[in-house]
Amino acid sequence: MQIPGLTSFERRHQRLISHRRFADRMLKAIGLWTIIALVGLAIGMAGYSAFEGMSLADSYVNAAMILAGMGPMGELKTTAGKIFAGSYAIFSGLLLIIATGFVLAPIFHRILHHFHVETHEQD
């Protein structure tokens, strides 16, 4: 699946895109990162609410802390909740690595593309 302007980068024979287009590409990447993080947060909140019977606020803080890599806030009481928390922690770590890759890819591509642009000067 390609997201126009985010996953389709210019080729070696193409010029660098303008600063405006690059800023648009970065806004799309940050937007995608935000959506991925919010979906991950919603999954965590739903799981803590369902498996541990936590309130909305407690579910939010526990999901947010694990998503941020800090660990859960409260003590887990059920076996299902503990299994969910462990699985959610693994999921969260991978989710943020993948989402961060979407933000870093355009930056790294622009830097590398700058040094590899082919010039068509005649000798």
N, C-alpha and C. Protein backbone atom coordinates (compact mmCIF):
# COMPACT_ATOMS: atom_id res chain seq x y z
N MET A 1 0.84 -1.17 0.00
CA MET A 1 0.00 0.00 0.00
C MET A 1 0.88 1.23 0.00
N GLN A 2 0.64 2.13 -0.92
CA GLN A 2 1.42 3.36 -0.97
C GLN A 2 0.56 4.53 -0.56
N ILE A 3 1.14 5.39 0.25
CA ILE A 3 0.48 6.62 0.64
C ILE A 3 1.14 7.73 -0.16
N PRO A 4 0.41 8.35 -1.09
CA PRO A 4 1.02 9.36 -1.95
C PRO A 4 1.73 10.45 -1.15
N GLY A 5 2.97 10.73 -1.54
CA GLY A 5 3.73 11.77 -0.88
C GLY A 5 4.41 11.31 0.40
N LEU A 6 4.15 10.10 0.82
CA LEU A 6 4.77 9.62 2.06
C LEU A 6 5.61 8.38 1.81
N THR A 7 5.13 7.46 1.01
CA THR A 7 5.88 6.24 0.76
C THR A 7 6.48 6.19 -0.64
N SER A 8 6.18 7.17 -1.45
CA SER A 8 6.76 7.20 -2.79
C SER A 8 7.75 8.36 -2.84
N PHE A 9 9.02 8.01 -2.77
CA PHE A 9 10.07 9.02 -2.75
C PHE A 9 10.61 9.23 -4.15
N GLU A 10 11.28 10.37 -4.35
CA GLU A 10 11.87 10.66 -5.64
C GLU A 10 13.07 9.75 -5.88
N ARG A 11 13.33 9.51 -7.15
CA ARG A 11 14.41 8.61 -7.56
C ARG A 11 15.71 9.39 -7.74
N ARG A 12 16.77 8.64 -7.97
CA ARG A 12 18.11 9.23 -8.10
C ARG A 12 18.18 10.30 -9.20
N HIS A 13 17.51 10.07 -10.30
CA HIS A 13 17.59 11.02 -11.41
C HIS A 13 16.69 12.24 -11.22
N GLN A 14 15.88 12.25 -10.18
CA GLN A 14 14.98 13.38 -9.92
C GLN A 14 15.63 14.35 -8.94
N ARG A 15 15.23 15.61 -9.06
CA ARG A 15 15.74 16.65 -8.17
C ARG A 15 15.12 16.52 -6.78
N LEU A 16 15.75 17.16 -5.81
CA LEU A 16 15.17 17.23 -4.48
C LEU A 16 13.83 17.96 -4.56
N ILE A 17 12.88 17.53 -3.77
CA ILE A 17 11.60 18.23 -3.76
C ILE A 17 11.77 19.55 -3.00
N SER A 18 10.86 20.45 -3.20
CA SER A 18 10.94 21.76 -2.56
C SER A 18 10.76 21.63 -1.05
N HIS A 19 11.15 22.66 -0.34
CA HIS A 19 10.97 22.67 1.11
C HIS A 19 9.49 22.58 1.48
N ARG A 20 8.65 23.20 0.68
CA ARG A 20 7.20 23.16 0.93
C ARG A 20 6.66 21.74 0.81
N ARG A 21 7.05 21.05 -0.27
CA ARG A 21 6.59 19.66 -0.45
C ARG A 21 7.16 18.75 0.62
N PHE A 22 8.42 19.02 1.04
CA PHE A 22 9.01 18.22 2.11
C PHE A 22 8.26 18.45 3.42
N ALA A 23 7.89 19.70 3.70
CA ALA A 23 7.12 20.01 4.91
C ALA A 23 5.77 19.30 4.87
N ASP A 24 5.13 19.28 3.70
CA ASP A 24 3.86 18.56 3.55
C ASP A 24 4.06 17.07 3.80
N ARG A 25 5.15 16.50 3.28
CA ARG A 25 5.46 15.09 3.48
C ARG A 25 5.66 14.80 4.97
N MET A 26 6.35 15.70 5.66
CA MET A 26 6.59 15.50 7.10
C MET A 26 5.29 15.63 7.89
N LEU A 27 4.41 16.55 7.50
CA LEU A 27 3.12 16.68 8.18
C LEU A 27 2.29 15.40 8.03
N LYS A 28 2.33 14.81 6.84
CA LYS A 28 1.63 13.55 6.62
C LYS A 28 2.23 12.44 7.48
N ALA A 29 3.55 12.40 7.59
CA ALA A 29 4.21 11.38 8.39
C ALA A 29 3.88 11.55 9.87
N ILE A 30 3.88 12.77 10.34
CA ILE A 30 3.54 13.03 11.74
C ILE A 30 2.07 12.72 11.99
N GLY A 31 1.22 13.03 11.03
CA GLY A 31 -0.20 12.67 11.15
C GLY A 31 -0.40 11.18 11.23
N LEU A 32 0.33 10.43 10.39
CA LEU A 32 0.24 8.97 10.42
C LEU A 32 0.75 8.43 11.75
N TRP A 33 1.85 9.00 12.26
CA TRP A 33 2.38 8.60 13.57
C TRP A 33 1.33 8.83 14.65
N THR A 34 0.67 9.97 14.60
CA THR A 34 -0.36 10.30 15.60
C THR A 34 -1.52 9.32 15.54
N ILE A 35 -1.97 9.00 14.34
CA ILE A 35 -3.08 8.05 14.19
C ILE A 35 -2.69 6.68 14.73
N ILE A 36 -1.49 6.22 14.39
CA ILE A 36 -1.03 4.92 14.87
C ILE A 36 -0.95 4.91 16.39
N ALA A 37 -0.42 5.98 16.98
CA ALA A 37 -0.31 6.05 18.44
C ALA A 37 -1.69 6.08 19.10
N LEU A 38 -2.63 6.82 18.52
CA LEU A 38 -3.98 6.88 19.09
C LEU A 38 -4.70 5.54 19.00
N VAL A 39 -4.50 4.83 17.90
CA VAL A 39 -5.11 3.50 17.76
C VAL A 39 -4.50 2.56 18.81
N GLY A 40 -3.19 2.62 18.98
CA GLY A 40 -2.53 1.81 20.00
C GLY A 40 -3.02 2.14 21.40
N LEU A 41 -3.22 3.41 21.67
CA LEU A 41 -3.74 3.85 22.96
C LEU A 41 -5.16 3.33 23.18
N ALA A 42 -5.99 3.40 22.15
CA ALA A 42 -7.37 2.91 22.25
C ALA A 42 -7.41 1.40 22.50
N ILE A 43 -6.53 0.66 21.85
CA ILE A 43 -6.46 -0.78 22.09
C ILE A 43 -6.09 -1.06 23.54
N GLY A 44 -5.11 -0.34 24.05
CA GLY A 44 -4.70 -0.52 25.44
C GLY A 44 -5.80 -0.15 26.42
N MET A 45 -6.48 0.94 26.17
CA MET A 45 -7.57 1.35 27.06
C MET A 45 -8.69 0.33 27.06
N ALA A 46 -9.02 -0.19 25.89
CA ALA A 46 -10.09 -1.20 25.80
C ALA A 46 -9.68 -2.47 26.54
N GLY A 47 -8.44 -2.88 26.41
CA GLY A 47 -7.96 -4.08 27.06
C GLY A 47 -7.94 -3.95 28.58
N TYR A 48 -7.42 -2.85 29.07
CA TYR A 48 -7.39 -2.65 30.52
C TYR A 48 -8.80 -2.55 31.10
N SER A 49 -9.66 -1.92 30.36
CA SER A 49 -11.05 -1.80 30.82
C SER A 49 -11.73 -3.16 30.84
N ALA A 50 -11.53 -3.95 29.79
CA ALA A 50 -12.20 -5.25 29.69
C ALA A 50 -11.60 -6.30 30.63
N PHE A 51 -10.26 -6.39 30.69
CA PHE A 51 -9.63 -7.46 31.46
C PHE A 51 -9.44 -7.13 32.94
N GLU A 52 -9.28 -5.86 33.25
CA GLU A 52 -9.04 -5.48 34.64
C GLU A 52 -10.19 -4.68 35.25
N GLY A 53 -11.19 -4.35 34.45
CA GLY A 53 -12.33 -3.59 34.95
C GLY A 53 -11.95 -2.19 35.40
N MET A 54 -10.92 -1.61 34.80
CA MET A 54 -10.46 -0.27 35.19
C MET A 54 -11.39 0.80 34.65
N SER A 55 -11.41 1.93 35.33
CA SER A 55 -12.17 3.09 34.86
C SER A 55 -11.48 3.65 33.62
N LEU A 56 -12.15 4.58 32.97
CA LEU A 56 -11.60 5.20 31.76
C LEU A 56 -10.27 5.89 32.07
N ALA A 57 -10.22 6.62 33.17
CA ALA A 57 -9.00 7.34 33.53
C ALA A 57 -7.86 6.37 33.86
N ASP A 58 -8.15 5.32 34.63
CA ASP A 58 -7.12 4.33 34.97
C ASP A 58 -6.66 3.56 33.73
N SER A 59 -7.60 3.23 32.85
CA SER A 59 -7.24 2.54 31.61
C SER A 59 -6.34 3.42 30.75
N TYR A 60 -6.68 4.71 30.69
CA TYR A 60 -5.89 5.66 29.90
C TYR A 60 -4.46 5.75 30.44
N VAL A 61 -4.33 5.98 31.74
CA VAL A 61 -2.99 6.18 32.29
C VAL A 61 -2.13 4.92 32.16
N ASN A 62 -2.70 3.76 32.36
CA ASN A 62 -1.93 2.52 32.21
C ASN A 62 -1.53 2.29 30.76
N ALA A 63 -2.46 2.49 29.83
CA ALA A 63 -2.15 2.31 28.41
C ALA A 63 -1.11 3.33 27.95
N ALA A 64 -1.26 4.57 28.38
CA ALA A 64 -0.31 5.61 27.98
C ALA A 64 1.08 5.34 28.54
N MET A 65 1.16 4.88 29.78
CA MET A 65 2.46 4.60 30.38
C MET A 65 3.16 3.44 29.67
N ILE A 66 2.42 2.41 29.32
CA ILE A 66 3.05 1.28 28.60
C ILE A 66 3.41 1.71 27.19
N LEU A 67 2.55 2.46 26.53
CA LEU A 67 2.83 2.92 25.17
C LEU A 67 4.08 3.81 25.15
N ALA A 68 4.30 4.55 26.21
CA ALA A 68 5.47 5.42 26.30
C ALA A 68 6.71 4.67 26.80
N GLY A 69 6.56 3.40 27.17
CA GLY A 69 7.69 2.61 27.62
C GLY A 69 8.01 2.76 29.09
N MET A 70 7.09 3.30 29.86
CA MET A 70 7.34 3.55 31.28
C MET A 70 6.88 2.40 32.18
N GLY A 71 5.95 1.60 31.74
CA GLY A 71 5.42 0.52 32.56
C GLY A 71 4.08 0.88 33.16
N PRO A 72 3.35 -0.12 33.63
CA PRO A 72 2.00 0.15 34.15
C PRO A 72 2.02 0.93 35.46
N MET A 73 0.92 1.62 35.74
CA MET A 73 0.79 2.41 36.97
C MET A 73 0.28 1.57 38.13
N GLY A 74 -0.79 0.83 37.89
CA GLY A 74 -1.45 0.10 38.96
C GLY A 74 -1.10 -1.38 38.96
N GLU A 75 -1.42 -2.02 40.06
CA GLU A 75 -1.19 -3.46 40.17
C GLU A 75 -2.29 -4.20 39.42
N LEU A 76 -1.89 -5.21 38.66
CA LEU A 76 -2.86 -6.01 37.92
C LEU A 76 -3.35 -7.15 38.80
N LYS A 77 -4.65 -7.41 38.75
CA LYS A 77 -5.25 -8.37 39.67
C LYS A 77 -5.64 -9.70 39.02
N THR A 78 -5.92 -9.68 37.74
CA THR A 78 -6.39 -10.90 37.08
C THR A 78 -5.29 -11.49 36.19
N THR A 79 -5.37 -12.80 35.98
CA THR A 79 -4.43 -13.46 35.09
C THR A 79 -4.60 -12.95 33.65
N ALA A 80 -5.84 -12.79 33.24
CA ALA A 80 -6.11 -12.28 31.88
C ALA A 80 -5.53 -10.87 31.71
N GLY A 81 -5.65 -10.05 32.75
CA GLY A 81 -5.11 -8.70 32.70
C GLY A 81 -3.59 -8.70 32.59
N LYS A 82 -2.95 -9.63 33.30
CA LYS A 82 -1.49 -9.73 33.24
C LYS A 82 -1.03 -10.20 31.87
N ILE A 83 -1.74 -11.16 31.31
CA ILE A 83 -1.40 -11.63 29.96
C ILE A 83 -1.61 -10.51 28.94
N PHE A 84 -2.72 -9.78 29.08
CA PHE A 84 -2.97 -8.66 28.19
C PHE A 84 -1.86 -7.61 28.32
N ALA A 85 -1.49 -7.26 29.55
CA ALA A 85 -0.48 -6.22 29.78
C ALA A 85 0.86 -6.61 29.16
N GLY A 86 1.25 -7.87 29.30
CA GLY A 86 2.50 -8.31 28.69
C GLY A 86 2.46 -8.26 27.18
N SER A 87 1.35 -8.73 26.62
CA SER A 87 1.19 -8.71 25.16
C SER A 87 1.10 -7.28 24.64
N TYR A 88 0.41 -6.44 25.39
CA TYR A 88 0.27 -5.03 24.98
C TYR A 88 1.61 -4.31 25.04
N ALA A 89 2.44 -4.65 26.01
CA ALA A 89 3.76 -4.04 26.11
C ALA A 89 4.62 -4.39 24.90
N ILE A 90 4.60 -5.66 24.48
CA ILE A 90 5.34 -6.07 23.28
C ILE A 90 4.79 -5.35 22.05
N PHE A 91 3.47 -5.35 21.92
CA PHE A 91 2.80 -4.68 20.81
C PHE A 91 3.16 -3.20 20.77
N SER A 92 3.14 -2.55 21.93
CA SER A 92 3.41 -1.11 22.00
C SER A 92 4.83 -0.78 21.57
N GLY A 93 5.78 -1.60 22.02
CA GLY A 93 7.16 -1.35 21.63
C GLY A 93 7.35 -1.43 20.13
N LEU A 94 6.78 -2.44 19.52
CA LEU A 94 6.89 -2.59 18.06
C LEU A 94 6.12 -1.50 17.33
N LEU A 95 4.96 -1.15 17.85
CA LEU A 95 4.13 -0.13 17.23
C LEU A 95 4.85 1.21 17.14
N LEU A 96 5.47 1.62 18.23
CA LEU A 96 6.15 2.91 18.21
C LEU A 96 7.40 2.90 17.36
N ILE A 97 8.09 1.76 17.29
CA ILE A 97 9.26 1.67 16.41
C ILE A 97 8.82 1.82 14.95
N ILE A 98 7.76 1.14 14.59
CA ILE A 98 7.25 1.23 13.22
C ILE A 98 6.75 2.64 12.91
N ALA A 99 5.98 3.21 13.83
CA ALA A 99 5.44 4.55 13.61
C ALA A 99 6.56 5.58 13.51
N THR A 100 7.59 5.46 14.32
CA THR A 100 8.70 6.39 14.27
C THR A 100 9.46 6.25 12.95
N GLY A 101 9.50 5.05 12.40
CA GLY A 101 10.12 4.85 11.09
C GLY A 101 9.43 5.65 10.01
N PHE A 102 8.11 5.80 10.11
CA PHE A 102 7.38 6.61 9.13
C PHE A 102 7.80 8.08 9.19
N VAL A 103 8.17 8.55 10.37
CA VAL A 103 8.58 9.95 10.52
C VAL A 103 10.04 10.13 10.11
N LEU A 104 10.88 9.17 10.44
CA LEU A 104 12.30 9.31 10.14
C LEU A 104 12.65 9.02 8.69
N ALA A 105 11.87 8.19 8.02
CA ALA A 105 12.18 7.80 6.64
C ALA A 105 12.30 9.01 5.70
N PRO A 106 11.35 9.95 5.70
CA PRO A 106 11.52 11.10 4.79
C PRO A 106 12.77 11.93 5.10
N ILE A 107 13.12 12.03 6.37
CA ILE A 107 14.30 12.82 6.75
C ILE A 107 15.56 12.14 6.23
N PHE A 108 15.70 10.84 6.52
CA PHE A 108 16.87 10.11 6.04
C PHE A 108 16.93 10.09 4.52
N HIS A 109 15.78 9.91 3.87
CA HIS A 109 15.77 9.88 2.41
C HIS A 109 16.24 11.20 1.84
N ARG A 110 15.77 12.30 2.39
CA ARG A 110 16.16 13.62 1.88
C ARG A 110 17.66 13.84 2.02
N ILE A 111 18.21 13.47 3.17
CA ILE A 111 19.65 13.64 3.39
C ILE A 111 20.44 12.78 2.41
N LEU A 112 20.09 11.51 2.30
CA LEU A 112 20.82 10.63 1.39
C LEU A 112 20.60 11.03 -0.07
N HIS A 113 19.39 11.44 -0.42
CA HIS A 113 19.10 11.83 -1.80
C HIS A 113 19.90 13.07 -2.19
N HIS A 114 20.11 13.95 -1.24
CA HIS A 114 20.89 15.17 -1.50
C HIS A 114 22.29 14.83 -2.00
N PHE A 115 22.89 13.77 -1.45
CA PHE A 115 24.25 13.39 -1.83
C PHE A 115 24.31 12.48 -3.05
N HIS A 116 23.17 11.95 -3.50
CA HIS A 116 23.18 11.01 -4.61
C HIS A 116 22.42 11.48 -5.84
N VAL A 117 22.03 12.72 -5.87
CA VAL A 117 21.33 13.24 -7.03
C VAL A 117 22.29 13.24 -8.22
N GLU A 118 21.83 12.65 -9.31
CA GLU A 118 22.66 12.64 -10.52
C GLU A 118 22.52 13.97 -11.22
N THR A 119 23.64 14.56 -11.55
CA THR A 119 23.61 15.79 -12.32
C THR A 119 23.85 15.43 -13.78
N HIS A 120 23.17 16.15 -14.66
CA HIS A 120 23.27 15.87 -16.10
C HIS A 120 24.05 16.98 -16.78
N GLU A 121 25.26 17.21 -16.29
CA GLU A 121 26.12 18.22 -16.91
C GLU A 121 26.89 17.56 -18.04
N GLN A 122 27.02 18.31 -19.12
CA GLN A 122 27.76 17.78 -20.25
C GLN A 122 29.24 18.18 -20.11
N ASP A 123 30.14 17.27 -20.44
CA ASP A 123 31.58 17.54 -20.30
C ASP A 123 32.07 18.44 -21.37
